[in-house]
Amino acid sequence: MKHAASALRLAITGGTGFVGNRTIEHALEAGHHVTALTRRDQPSRDGVTWIVGALDDSRALDRLVANADAVIHVAGVVNADRAGFIAGNIEGTRAIIDAAARAGVKRFTHVSSLAAREPSLSTYGWSKAEAEKIVEASTLDWTILRPAAVYGPGDMEMRDLFRAAKLGIALLPPPGIMSAVAVDDLARLLVATAERNQPRTLYEVDDGTSWTHAEFARAIGVAVGQRVMPLHLPRALMMIGARLDLMIRGDKAKLTPDRVGYLTHPDWTAAADRHVPAELWSPKIDLHEGLAETARWYRAHGLL
């Protein structure tokens, strides 16, 4: 373990999820102690105190943030109906903000989404925008991060893209541009924001490169060793596909009518005037290397 100049106690929500898990790893590597929220019992681990509970459990949240130097709020809902988005993203954020305020914790990092930039496009984006307003109205020393598409080993949201690429196809939204960030780069940034006092600010986060949807699909094809043919679908056809996905996979569907709303937006790249300053963080993982590592993880776990 690499010890930090000053070890901190970090309270983390969403610690058992894709981004939260990697954030815990980077926090431990930096020498910090982690208190993490979990819905069910977890194996004991050096440096981690698990708090069983959820965002609607104020007593669990009070235990989570007790004696914390900073809170990293990763937990959120990406696939739900309107009530689920309100409960998970809006009221969940309000609850952890209130708990931090009760405990006197000042430093607060909130994981939002680029989707919050266009709240009219999807209920998900609207709920993330509303959560940002709650953070901004608080008395805490907050940092809001809006990541672009997050990928990496352990991710299950992009698995369908990799599996389709293995078949040589990529069903894409209408032409547009996008960017991405590797989960380990994002996790490093989350820990960095918790370590430093800084002005209240909102950053949009990607790896500094932009891609057309077709270029990104071809890059996934390279990662899985297959030449890919990108096929752009009109919005109406994507909506039909989303309804079919819901019929077939139910609440495990990856393409939903709500997601079609923001997937068809023409520009999901981080705004230049909201980039993270280099003295705080810079990405280290090249997209091609990161996608290749992700493909290897899928293969190793029988998911490709």
C-alpha atoms as a PDB file:
ATOM      1  CA  MET A   1       0.000   0.000   0.000  1.00  0.00           C
ATOM      2  CA  LYS A   2       1.245   3.480  -0.881  1.00  0.00           C
ATOM      3  CA  HIS A   3       0.689   5.718   2.142  1.00  0.00           C
ATOM      4  CA  ALA A   4      -0.625   9.224   1.677  1.00  0.00           C
ATOM      5  CA  ALA A   5       1.062  12.185   3.340  1.00  0.00           C
ATOM      6  CA  SER A   6      -2.087  12.470   5.454  1.00  0.00           C
ATOM      7  CA  ALA A   7      -4.385   9.472   5.666  1.00  0.00           C
ATOM      8  CA  LEU A   8      -8.074  10.367   5.517  1.00  0.00           C
ATOM      9  CA  ARG A   9     -11.321   8.672   6.454  1.00  0.00           C
ATOM     10  CA  LEU A  10     -13.421   8.564   3.293  1.00  0.00           C
ATOM     11  CA  ALA A  11     -17.125   7.729   3.339  1.00  0.00           C
ATOM     12  CA  ILE A  12     -18.187   6.194   0.013  1.00  0.00           C
ATOM     13  CA  THR A  13     -21.661   5.353  -1.292  1.00  0.00           C
ATOM     14  CA  GLY A  14     -22.051   2.865  -4.124  1.00  0.00           C
ATOM     15  CA  GLY A  15     -18.897   1.069  -3.009  1.00  0.00           C
ATOM     16  CA  THR A  16     -20.001  -2.328  -4.296  1.00  0.00           C
ATOM     17  CA  GLY A  17     -20.735  -0.992  -7.792  1.00  0.00           C
ATOM     18  CA  PHE A  18     -18.522  -0.631 -10.845  1.00  0.00           C
ATOM     19  CA  VAL A  19     -17.109   2.848 -10.143  1.00  0.00           C
ATOM     20  CA  GLY A  20     -17.328   2.650  -6.358  1.00  0.00           C
ATOM     21  CA  ASN A  21     -15.358  -0.588  -6.173  1.00  0.00           C
ATOM     22  CA  ARG A  22     -12.453   0.908  -8.104  1.00  0.00           C
ATOM     23  CA  THR A  23     -12.664   4.084  -6.008  1.00  0.00           C
ATOM     24  CA  ILE A  24     -12.211   2.022  -2.859  1.00  0.00           C
ATOM     25  CA  GLU A  25      -9.179   0.315  -4.430  1.00  0.00           C
ATOM     26  CA  HIS A  26      -7.529   3.656  -5.244  1.00  0.00           C
ATOM     27  CA  ALA A  27      -8.369   5.093  -1.829  1.00  0.00           C
ATOM     28  CA  LEU A  28      -6.720   2.133  -0.111  1.00  0.00           C
ATOM     29  CA  GLU A  29      -3.679   2.362  -2.375  1.00  0.00           C
ATOM     30  CA  ALA A  30      -3.340   6.007  -1.305  1.00  0.00           C
ATOM     31  CA  GLY A  31      -3.321   4.955   2.349  1.00  0.00           C
ATOM     32  CA  HIS A  32      -6.795   6.145   3.297  1.00  0.00           C
ATOM     33  CA  HIS A  33      -9.378   4.345   5.414  1.00  0.00           C
ATOM     34  CA  VAL A  34     -12.751   3.731   3.778  1.00  0.00           C
ATOM     35  CA  THR A  35     -16.213   3.455   5.260  1.00  0.00           C
ATOM     36  CA  ALA A  36     -18.555   2.179   2.558  1.00  0.00           C
ATOM     37  CA  LEU A  37     -22.297   1.685   2.294  1.00  0.00           C
ATOM     38  CA  THR A  38     -23.600  -1.718   1.217  1.00  0.00           C
ATOM     39  CA  ARG A  39     -27.040  -3.251   0.946  1.00  0.00           C
ATOM     40  CA  ARG A  40     -25.814  -6.664   2.076  1.00  0.00           C
ATOM     41  CA  ASP A  41     -22.970  -8.088   4.148  1.00  0.00           C
ATOM     42  CA  GLN A  42     -19.540  -8.012   2.509  1.00  0.00           C
ATOM     43  CA  PRO A  43     -16.369 -10.002   3.242  1.00  0.00           C
ATOM     44  CA  SER A  44     -14.147  -8.243   5.763  1.00  0.00           C
ATOM     45  CA  ARG A  45     -11.283  -6.291   4.257  1.00  0.00           C
ATOM     46  CA  ASP A  46      -8.329  -4.422   5.724  1.00  0.00           C
ATOM     47  CA  GLY A  47      -8.882  -0.675   5.598  1.00  0.00           C
ATOM     48  CA  VAL A  48     -12.617  -0.918   4.848  1.00  0.00           C
ATOM     49  CA  THR A  49     -15.513  -0.646   7.287  1.00  0.00           C
ATOM     50  CA  TRP A  50     -18.762  -1.777   5.697  1.00  0.00           C
ATOM     51  CA  ILE A  51     -22.019  -0.141   6.794  1.00  0.00           C
ATOM     52  CA  VAL A  52     -25.083  -2.194   5.913  1.00  0.00           C
ATOM     53  CA  GLY A  53     -27.925   0.034   4.755  1.00  0.00           C
ATOM     54  CA  ALA A  54     -29.165   2.169   1.890  1.00  0.00           C
ATOM     55  CA  LEU A  55     -29.644   5.807   0.979  1.00  0.00           C
ATOM     56  CA  ASP A  56     -33.132   5.812   2.503  1.00  0.00           C
ATOM     57  CA  ASP A  57     -31.777   4.657   5.881  1.00  0.00           C
ATOM     58  CA  SER A  58     -30.760   7.774   7.814  1.00  0.00           C
ATOM     59  CA  ARG A  59     -29.259   5.807  10.692  1.00  0.00           C
ATOM     60  CA  ALA A  60     -27.004   3.888   8.330  1.00  0.00           C
ATOM     61  CA  LEU A  61     -25.974   7.141   6.651  1.00  0.00           C
ATOM     62  CA  ASP A  62     -25.135   8.675  10.022  1.00  0.00           C
ATOM     63  CA  ARG A  63     -22.869   5.696  10.769  1.00  0.00           C
ATOM     64  CA  LEU A  64     -21.351   5.956   7.309  1.00  0.00           C
ATOM     65  CA  VAL A  65     -20.273   9.592   7.634  1.00  0.00           C
ATOM     66  CA  ALA A  66     -19.374   9.631  11.336  1.00  0.00           C
ATOM     67  CA  ASN A  67     -15.821  10.999  11.747  1.00  0.00           C
ATOM     68  CA  ALA A  68     -15.340  11.152   7.952  1.00  0.00           C
ATOM     69  CA  ASP A  69     -13.022  13.735   6.432  1.00  0.00           C
ATOM     70  CA  ALA A  70     -14.839  13.619   3.083  1.00  0.00           C
ATOM     71  CA  VAL A  71     -17.801  11.950   1.393  1.00  0.00           C
ATOM     72  CA  ILE A  72     -17.662  10.509  -2.130  1.00  0.00           C
ATOM     73  CA  HIS A  73     -21.214   9.972  -3.374  1.00  0.00           C
ATOM     74  CA  VAL A  74     -21.021   7.441  -6.199  1.00  0.00           C
ATOM     75  CA  ALA A  75     -24.335   5.619  -5.738  1.00  0.00           C
ATOM     76  CA  GLY A  76     -27.012   6.307  -8.313  1.00  0.00           C
ATOM     77  CA  VAL A  77     -29.697   4.728 -10.461  1.00  0.00           C
ATOM     78  CA  VAL A  78     -29.164   4.390 -14.220  1.00  0.00           C
ATOM     79  CA  ASN A  79     -32.153   2.249 -15.157  1.00  0.00           C
ATOM     80  CA  ALA A  80     -35.553   2.838 -13.508  1.00  0.00           C
ATOM     81  CA  ASP A  81     -38.957   4.416 -13.914  1.00  0.00           C
ATOM     82  CA  ARG A  82     -39.513   8.028 -12.872  1.00  0.00           C
ATOM     83  CA  ALA A  83     -40.227   7.092  -9.257  1.00  0.00           C
ATOM     84  CA  GLY A  84     -37.062   5.017  -9.119  1.00  0.00           C
ATOM     85  CA  PHE A  85     -34.937   7.846 -10.514  1.00  0.00           C
ATOM     86  CA  ILE A  86     -36.436  10.273  -7.995  1.00  0.00           C
ATOM     87  CA  ALA A  87     -35.828   7.914  -5.076  1.00  0.00           C
ATOM     88  CA  GLY A  88     -32.326   6.856  -6.091  1.00  0.00           C
ATOM     89  CA  ASN A  89     -30.835   9.978  -7.630  1.00  0.00           C
ATOM     90  CA  ILE A  90     -32.703  12.915  -6.123  1.00  0.00           C
ATOM     91  CA  GLU A  91     -33.850  11.831  -2.670  1.00  0.00           C
ATOM     92  CA  GLY A  92     -30.773   9.627  -2.226  1.00  0.00           C
ATOM     93  CA  THR A  93     -28.532  12.618  -2.862  1.00  0.00           C
ATOM     94  CA  ARG A  94     -30.579  14.773  -0.495  1.00  0.00           C
ATOM     95  CA  ALA A  95     -30.253  12.116   2.219  1.00  0.00           C
ATOM     96  CA  ILE A  96     -26.470  11.797   2.028  1.00  0.00           C
ATOM     97  CA  ILE A  97     -26.088  15.599   1.876  1.00  0.00           C
ATOM     98  CA  ASP A  98     -28.193  15.909   5.029  1.00  0.00           C
ATOM     99  CA  ALA A  99     -26.183  13.194   6.775  1.00  0.00           C
ATOM    100  CA  ALA A 100     -22.895  14.912   5.905  1.00  0.00           C
ATOM    101  CA  ALA A 101     -24.244  18.219   7.213  1.00  0.00           C
ATOM    102  CA  ARG A 102     -25.406  16.614  10.473  1.00  0.00           C
ATOM    103  CA  ALA A 103     -21.964  15.087  10.977  1.00  0.00           C
ATOM    104  CA  GLY A 104     -20.111  18.302  10.175  1.00  0.00           C
ATOM    105  CA  VAL A 105     -18.366  16.794   7.157  1.00  0.00           C
ATOM    106  CA  LYS A 106     -17.535  19.602   4.744  1.00  0.00           C
ATOM    107  CA  ARG A 107     -15.823  18.015   1.751  1.00  0.00           C
ATOM    108  CA  PHE A 108     -18.267  16.318  -0.631  1.00  0.00           C
ATOM    109  CA  THR A 109     -17.670  14.836  -4.088  1.00  0.00           C
ATOM    110  CA  HIS A 110     -20.750  14.029  -6.139  1.00  0.00           C
ATOM    111  CA  VAL A 111     -20.758  11.772  -9.203  1.00  0.00           C
ATOM    112  CA  SER A 112     -23.252  13.120 -11.716  1.00  0.00           C
ATOM    113  CA  SER A 113     -23.379  12.508 -15.477  1.00  0.00           C
ATOM    114  CA  LEU A 114     -23.014  14.402 -18.733  1.00  0.00           C
ATOM    115  CA  ALA A 115     -26.703  13.559 -19.165  1.00  0.00           C
ATOM    116  CA  ALA A 116     -27.455  16.237 -16.545  1.00  0.00           C
ATOM    117  CA  ARG A 117     -26.402  18.830 -19.116  1.00  0.00           C
ATOM    118  CA  GLU A 118     -29.522  18.042 -21.170  1.00  0.00           C
ATOM    119  CA  PRO A 119     -32.243  17.294 -18.595  1.00  0.00           C
ATOM    120  CA  SER A 120     -35.083  17.517 -21.135  1.00  0.00           C
ATOM    121  CA  LEU A 121     -33.825  14.483 -23.056  1.00  0.00           C
ATOM    122  CA  SER A 122     -34.379  11.782 -20.435  1.00  0.00           C
ATOM    123  CA  THR A 123     -35.770  11.210 -16.984  1.00  0.00           C
ATOM    124  CA  TYR A 124     -32.330   9.944 -15.975  1.00  0.00           C
ATOM    125  CA  GLY A 125     -30.661  13.191 -17.067  1.00  0.00           C
ATOM    126  CA  TRP A 126     -33.367  15.240 -15.361  1.00  0.00           C
ATOM    127  CA  SER A 127     -32.900  13.340 -12.101  1.00  0.00           C
ATOM    128  CA  LYS A 128     -29.126  13.854 -12.200  1.00  0.00           C
ATOM    129  CA  ALA A 129     -29.624  17.580 -12.889  1.00  0.00           C
ATOM    130  CA  GLU A 130     -32.011  17.850  -9.939  1.00  0.00           C
ATOM    131  CA  ALA A 131     -29.476  16.070  -7.730  1.00  0.00           C
ATOM    132  CA  GLU A 132     -26.827  18.592  -8.792  1.00  0.00           C
ATOM    133  CA  LYS A 133     -29.113  21.418  -7.652  1.00  0.00           C
ATOM    134  CA  ILE A 134     -29.363  19.827  -4.202  1.00  0.00           C
ATOM    135  CA  VAL A 135     -25.580  19.581  -3.963  1.00  0.00           C
ATOM    136  CA  GLU A 136     -25.079  23.164  -5.163  1.00  0.00           C
ATOM    137  CA  ALA A 137     -27.606  24.504  -2.631  1.00  0.00           C
ATOM    138  CA  SER A 138     -25.864  22.775   0.281  1.00  0.00           C
ATOM    139  CA  THR A 139     -23.429  24.351   2.721  1.00  0.00           C
ATOM    140  CA  LEU A 140     -20.785  21.733   1.924  1.00  0.00           C
ATOM    141  CA  ASP A 141     -17.525  22.256   0.053  1.00  0.00           C
ATOM    142  CA  TRP A 142     -18.715  20.334  -2.980  1.00  0.00           C
ATOM    143  CA  THR A 143     -17.213  19.106  -6.207  1.00  0.00           C
ATOM    144  CA  ILE A 144     -19.550  17.782  -8.903  1.00  0.00           C
ATOM    145  CA  LEU A 145     -18.138  15.474 -11.573  1.00  0.00           C
ATOM    146  CA  ARG A 146     -19.983  14.741 -14.809  1.00  0.00           C
ATOM    147  CA  PRO A 147     -18.216  11.753 -16.383  1.00  0.00           C
ATOM    148  CA  ALA A 148     -18.563  10.872 -20.038  1.00  0.00           C
ATOM    149  CA  ALA A 149     -19.118   7.183 -20.856  1.00  0.00           C
ATOM    150  CA  VAL A 150     -17.279   5.163 -18.190  1.00  0.00           C
ATOM    151  CA  TYR A 151     -15.816   1.818 -19.226  1.00  0.00           C
ATOM    152  CA  GLY A 152     -13.345  -0.738 -17.969  1.00  0.00           C
ATOM    153  CA  PRO A 153     -13.022  -4.175 -16.371  1.00  0.00           C
ATOM    154  CA  GLY A 154     -16.119  -4.903 -14.316  1.00  0.00           C
ATOM    155  CA  ASP A 155     -18.479  -2.783 -16.417  1.00  0.00           C
ATOM    156  CA  MET A 156     -21.730  -4.437 -17.436  1.00  0.00           C
ATOM    157  CA  GLU A 157     -23.335  -1.458 -19.195  1.00  0.00           C
ATOM    158  CA  MET A 158     -21.195  -1.706 -22.344  1.00  0.00           C
ATOM    159  CA  ARG A 159     -21.013  -5.478 -22.534  1.00  0.00           C
ATOM    160  CA  ASP A 160     -23.668  -5.636 -25.259  1.00  0.00           C
ATOM    161  CA  LEU A 161     -21.504  -3.383 -27.471  1.00  0.00           C
ATOM    162  CA  PHE A 162     -18.539  -5.737 -27.084  1.00  0.00           C
ATOM    163  CA  ARG A 163     -20.656  -8.822 -27.760  1.00  0.00           C
ATOM    164  CA  ALA A 164     -22.140  -7.242 -30.885  1.00  0.00           C
ATOM    165  CA  ALA A 165     -18.664  -6.203 -32.042  1.00  0.00           C
ATOM    166  CA  LYS A 166     -17.535  -9.809 -31.761  1.00  0.00           C
ATOM    167  CA  LEU A 167     -20.257 -10.597 -34.318  1.00  0.00           C
ATOM    168  CA  GLY A 168     -18.941  -7.849 -36.568  1.00  0.00           C
ATOM    169  CA  ILE A 169     -21.814  -5.400 -36.155  1.00  0.00           C
ATOM    170  CA  ALA A 170     -22.516  -2.208 -34.224  1.00  0.00           C
ATOM    171  CA  LEU A 171     -26.045  -0.842 -33.999  1.00  0.00           C
ATOM    172  CA  LEU A 172     -25.563   2.851 -33.319  1.00  0.00           C
ATOM    173  CA  PRO A 173     -27.579   6.041 -32.713  1.00  0.00           C
ATOM    174  CA  PRO A 174     -27.783   8.665 -35.451  1.00  0.00           C
ATOM    175  CA  PRO A 175     -24.318  10.134 -36.176  1.00  0.00           C
ATOM    176  CA  GLY A 176     -22.812  12.159 -33.354  1.00  0.00           C
ATOM    177  CA  ILE A 177     -19.681  12.519 -31.231  1.00  0.00           C
ATOM    178  CA  MET A 178     -18.874  11.178 -27.805  1.00  0.00           C
ATOM    179  CA  SER A 179     -16.052  10.727 -25.353  1.00  0.00           C
ATOM    180  CA  ALA A 180     -15.201   8.267 -22.625  1.00  0.00           C
ATOM    181  CA  VAL A 181     -13.124   7.838 -19.486  1.00  0.00           C
ATOM    182  CA  ALA A 182     -11.582   4.687 -18.043  1.00  0.00           C
ATOM    183  CA  VAL A 183     -12.955   3.683 -14.663  1.00  0.00           C
ATOM    184  CA  ASP A 184      -9.526   3.701 -13.010  1.00  0.00           C
ATOM    185  CA  ASP A 185      -8.857   7.228 -14.228  1.00  0.00           C
ATOM    186  CA  LEU A 186     -12.218   8.357 -12.870  1.00  0.00           C
ATOM    187  CA  ALA A 187     -11.578   6.609  -9.547  1.00  0.00           C
ATOM    188  CA  ARG A 188      -8.224   8.404  -9.202  1.00  0.00           C
ATOM    189  CA  LEU A 189      -9.993  11.707  -9.760  1.00  0.00           C
ATOM    190  CA  LEU A 190     -12.624  10.928  -7.135  1.00  0.00           C
ATOM    191  CA  VAL A 191      -9.946  10.258  -4.548  1.00  0.00           C
ATOM    192  CA  ALA A 192      -7.998  13.365  -5.598  1.00  0.00           C
ATOM    193  CA  THR A 193     -11.022  15.627  -5.102  1.00  0.00           C
ATOM    194  CA  ALA A 194     -11.596  14.150  -1.648  1.00  0.00           C
ATOM    195  CA  GLU A 195      -7.978  14.784  -0.689  1.00  0.00           C
ATOM    196  CA  ARG A 196      -7.888  18.496  -1.492  1.00  0.00           C
ATOM    197  CA  ASN A 197      -9.648  21.623  -0.402  1.00  0.00           C
ATOM    198  CA  GLN A 198     -10.787  23.495  -3.490  1.00  0.00           C
ATOM    199  CA  PRO A 199     -13.460  25.961  -4.559  1.00  0.00           C
ATOM    200  CA  ARG A 200     -16.964  24.635  -5.163  1.00  0.00           C
ATOM    201  CA  THR A 201     -16.916  23.616  -8.784  1.00  0.00           C
ATOM    202  CA  LEU A 202     -18.379  21.380 -11.478  1.00  0.00           C
ATOM    203  CA  TYR A 203     -16.134  19.443 -13.861  1.00  0.00           C
ATOM    204  CA  GLU A 204     -16.974  17.425 -16.963  1.00  0.00           C
ATOM    205  CA  VAL A 205     -14.694  14.431 -17.245  1.00  0.00           C
ATOM    206  CA  ASP A 206     -13.356  12.485 -20.216  1.00  0.00           C
ATOM    207  CA  ASP A 207      -9.967  11.303 -21.446  1.00  0.00           C
ATOM    208  CA  GLY A 208      -9.467  14.359 -23.657  1.00  0.00           C
ATOM    209  CA  THR A 209     -10.332  12.710 -26.974  1.00  0.00           C
ATOM    210  CA  SER A 210     -13.584  12.681 -28.925  1.00  0.00           C
ATOM    211  CA  TRP A 211     -14.903  10.022 -31.265  1.00  0.00           C
ATOM    212  CA  THR A 212     -17.750   9.600 -33.668  1.00  0.00           C
ATOM    213  CA  HIS A 213     -20.018   6.748 -32.677  1.00  0.00           C
ATOM    214  CA  ALA A 214     -18.682   4.774 -35.633  1.00  0.00           C
ATOM    215  CA  GLU A 215     -15.053   5.345 -34.602  1.00  0.00           C
ATOM    216  CA  PHE A 216     -15.803   4.209 -31.068  1.00  0.00           C
ATOM    217  CA  ALA A 217     -17.543   1.072 -32.378  1.00  0.00           C
ATOM    218  CA  ARG A 218     -14.553   0.267 -34.584  1.00  0.00           C
ATOM    219  CA  ALA A 219     -12.234   0.731 -31.594  1.00  0.00           C
ATOM    220  CA  ILE A 220     -14.291  -1.839 -29.678  1.00  0.00           C
ATOM    221  CA  GLY A 221     -13.967  -4.107 -32.721  1.00  0.00           C
ATOM    222  CA  VAL A 222     -10.171  -3.813 -32.568  1.00  0.00           C
ATOM    223  CA  ALA A 223     -10.325  -4.694 -28.856  1.00  0.00           C
ATOM    224  CA  VAL A 224     -12.216  -7.923 -29.560  1.00  0.00           C
ATOM    225  CA  GLY A 225     -10.245  -8.722 -32.733  1.00  0.00           C
ATOM    226  CA  GLN A 226     -13.101  -8.284 -35.178  1.00  0.00           C
ATOM    227  CA  ARG A 227     -13.703  -5.827 -37.982  1.00  0.00           C
ATOM    228  CA  VAL A 228     -16.965  -4.038 -37.246  1.00  0.00           C
ATOM    229  CA  MET A 229     -19.593  -2.612 -39.598  1.00  0.00           C
ATOM    230  CA  PRO A 230     -21.271   0.404 -37.937  1.00  0.00           C
ATOM    231  CA  LEU A 231     -24.992   0.753 -38.646  1.00  0.00           C
ATOM    232  CA  HIS A 232     -26.675   4.006 -37.610  1.00  0.00           C
ATOM    233  CA  LEU A 233     -30.320   3.576 -36.634  1.00  0.00           C
ATOM    234  CA  PRO A 234     -32.949   6.319 -36.746  1.00  0.00           C
ATOM    235  CA  ARG A 235     -34.490   7.304 -33.436  1.00  0.00           C
ATOM    236  CA  ALA A 236     -37.829   5.679 -34.267  1.00  0.00           C
ATOM    237  CA  LEU A 237     -36.179   2.321 -34.885  1.00  0.00           C
ATOM    238  CA  MET A 238     -34.161   2.643 -31.660  1.00  0.00           C
ATOM    239  CA  MET A 239     -37.411   3.184 -29.759  1.00  0.00           C
ATOM    240  CA  ILE A 240     -38.816  -0.032 -31.215  1.00  0.00           C
ATOM    241  CA  GLY A 241     -35.624  -1.824 -30.193  1.00  0.00           C
ATOM    242  CA  ALA A 242     -35.871  -0.371 -26.679  1.00  0.00           C
ATOM    243  CA  ARG A 243     -39.421  -1.645 -26.254  1.00  0.00           C
ATOM    244  CA  LEU A 244     -38.347  -5.083 -27.469  1.00  0.00           C
ATOM    245  CA  ASP A 245     -35.415  -5.090 -25.031  1.00  0.00           C
ATOM    246  CA  LEU A 246     -37.802  -4.257 -22.189  1.00  0.00           C
ATOM    247  CA  MET A 247     -40.141  -7.065 -23.245  1.00  0.00           C
ATOM    248  CA  ILE A 248     -37.303  -9.585 -23.416  1.00  0.00           C
ATOM    249  CA  ARG A 249     -35.038  -8.558 -20.534  1.00  0.00           C
ATOM    250  CA  GLY A 250     -37.378  -6.559 -18.306  1.00  0.00           C
ATOM    251  CA  ASP A 251     -35.538  -4.514 -15.691  1.00  0.00           C
ATOM    252  CA  LYS A 252     -32.217  -5.895 -17.017  1.00  0.00           C
ATOM    253  CA  ALA A 253     -32.715  -4.184 -20.388  1.00  0.00           C
ATOM    254  CA  LYS A 254     -29.775  -2.030 -21.468  1.00  0.00           C
ATOM    255  CA  LEU A 255     -31.607  -0.107 -24.176  1.00  0.00           C
ATOM    256  CA  THR A 256     -34.665   1.600 -22.716  1.00  0.00           C
ATOM    257  CA  PRO A 257     -36.945   4.305 -24.142  1.00  0.00           C
ATOM    258  CA  ASP A 258     -35.456   6.713 -21.594  1.00  0.00           C
ATOM    259  CA  ARG A 259     -31.924   5.950 -22.769  1.00  0.00           C
ATOM    260  CA  VAL A 260     -32.869   6.491 -26.391  1.00  0.00           C
ATOM    261  CA  GLY A 261     -33.574  10.091 -25.393  1.00  0.00           C
ATOM    262  CA  TYR A 262     -29.976  10.880 -24.565  1.00  0.00           C
ATOM    263  CA  LEU A 263     -28.229   8.352 -26.812  1.00  0.00           C
ATOM    264  CA  THR A 264     -29.558  10.218 -29.830  1.00  0.00           C
ATOM    265  CA  HIS A 265     -28.121  13.565 -28.677  1.00  0.00           C
ATOM    266  CA  PRO A 266     -25.345  14.621 -31.132  1.00  0.00           C
ATOM    267  CA  ASP A 267     -22.605  15.642 -28.660  1.00  0.00           C
ATOM    268  CA  TRP A 268     -21.627  13.819 -25.482  1.00  0.00           C
ATOM    269  CA  THR A 269     -18.116  15.185 -25.018  1.00  0.00           C
ATOM    270  CA  ALA A 270     -16.858  17.130 -22.014  1.00  0.00           C
ATOM    271  CA  ALA A 271     -17.026  20.895 -22.466  1.00  0.00           C
ATOM    272  CA  ALA A 272     -13.586  22.493 -22.793  1.00  0.00           C
ATOM    273  CA  ASP A 273     -14.380  25.172 -20.218  1.00  0.00           C
ATOM    274  CA  ARG A 274     -15.287  22.507 -17.645  1.00  0.00           C
ATOM    275  CA  HIS A 275     -12.213  20.283 -17.979  1.00  0.00           C
ATOM    276  CA  VAL A 276     -10.438  19.203 -14.808  1.00  0.00           C
ATOM    277  CA  PRO A 277      -7.272  21.289 -14.297  1.00  0.00           C
ATOM    278  CA  ALA A 278      -4.074  19.357 -14.954  1.00  0.00           C
ATOM    279  CA  GLU A 279      -2.692  20.150 -11.502  1.00  0.00           C
ATOM    280  CA  LEU A 280      -5.571  18.169  -9.983  1.00  0.00           C
ATOM    281  CA  TRP A 281      -5.815  15.274 -12.439  1.00  0.00           C
ATOM    282  CA  SER A 282      -5.044  14.088 -15.929  1.00  0.00           C
ATOM    283  CA  PRO A 283      -6.106  10.835 -17.608  1.00  0.00           C
ATOM    284  CA  LYS A 284      -3.504   8.113 -17.969  1.00  0.00           C
ATOM    285  CA  ILE A 285      -5.349   5.333 -19.804  1.00  0.00           C
ATOM    286  CA  ASP A 286      -5.465   5.432 -23.615  1.00  0.00           C
ATOM    287  CA  LEU A 287      -8.854   4.416 -24.976  1.00  0.00           C
ATOM    288  CA  HIS A 288      -7.502   1.585 -27.135  1.00  0.00           C
ATOM    289  CA  GLU A 289      -5.513   0.120 -24.251  1.00  0.00           C
ATOM    290  CA  GLY A 290      -8.486   0.500 -21.915  1.00  0.00           C
ATOM    291  CA  LEU A 291     -10.898  -1.190 -24.322  1.00  0.00           C
ATOM    292  CA  ALA A 292      -8.459  -4.061 -24.852  1.00  0.00           C
ATOM    293  CA  GLU A 293      -8.161  -4.546 -21.087  1.00  0.00           C
ATOM    294  CA  THR A 294     -11.950  -4.499 -20.804  1.00  0.00           C
ATOM    295  CA  ALA A 295     -12.287  -7.136 -23.531  1.00  0.00           C
ATOM    296  CA  ARG A 296      -9.747  -9.330 -21.737  1.00  0.00           C
ATOM    297  CA  TRP A 297     -11.777  -9.054 -18.536  1.00  0.00           C
ATOM    298  CA  TYR A 298     -14.982 -10.035 -20.339  1.00  0.00           C
ATOM    299  CA  ARG A 299     -13.247 -13.058 -21.858  1.00  0.00           C
ATOM    300  CA  ALA A 300     -11.709 -14.109 -18.524  1.00  0.00           C
ATOM    301  CA  HIS A 301     -15.171 -14.081 -16.932  1.00  0.00           C
ATOM    302  CA  GLY A 302     -16.950 -15.830 -19.796  1.00  0.00           C
ATOM    303  CA  LEU A 303     -18.925 -12.713 -20.684  1.00  0.00           C
ATOM    304  CA  LEU A 304     -17.856 -12.270 -24.288  1.00  0.00           C
END
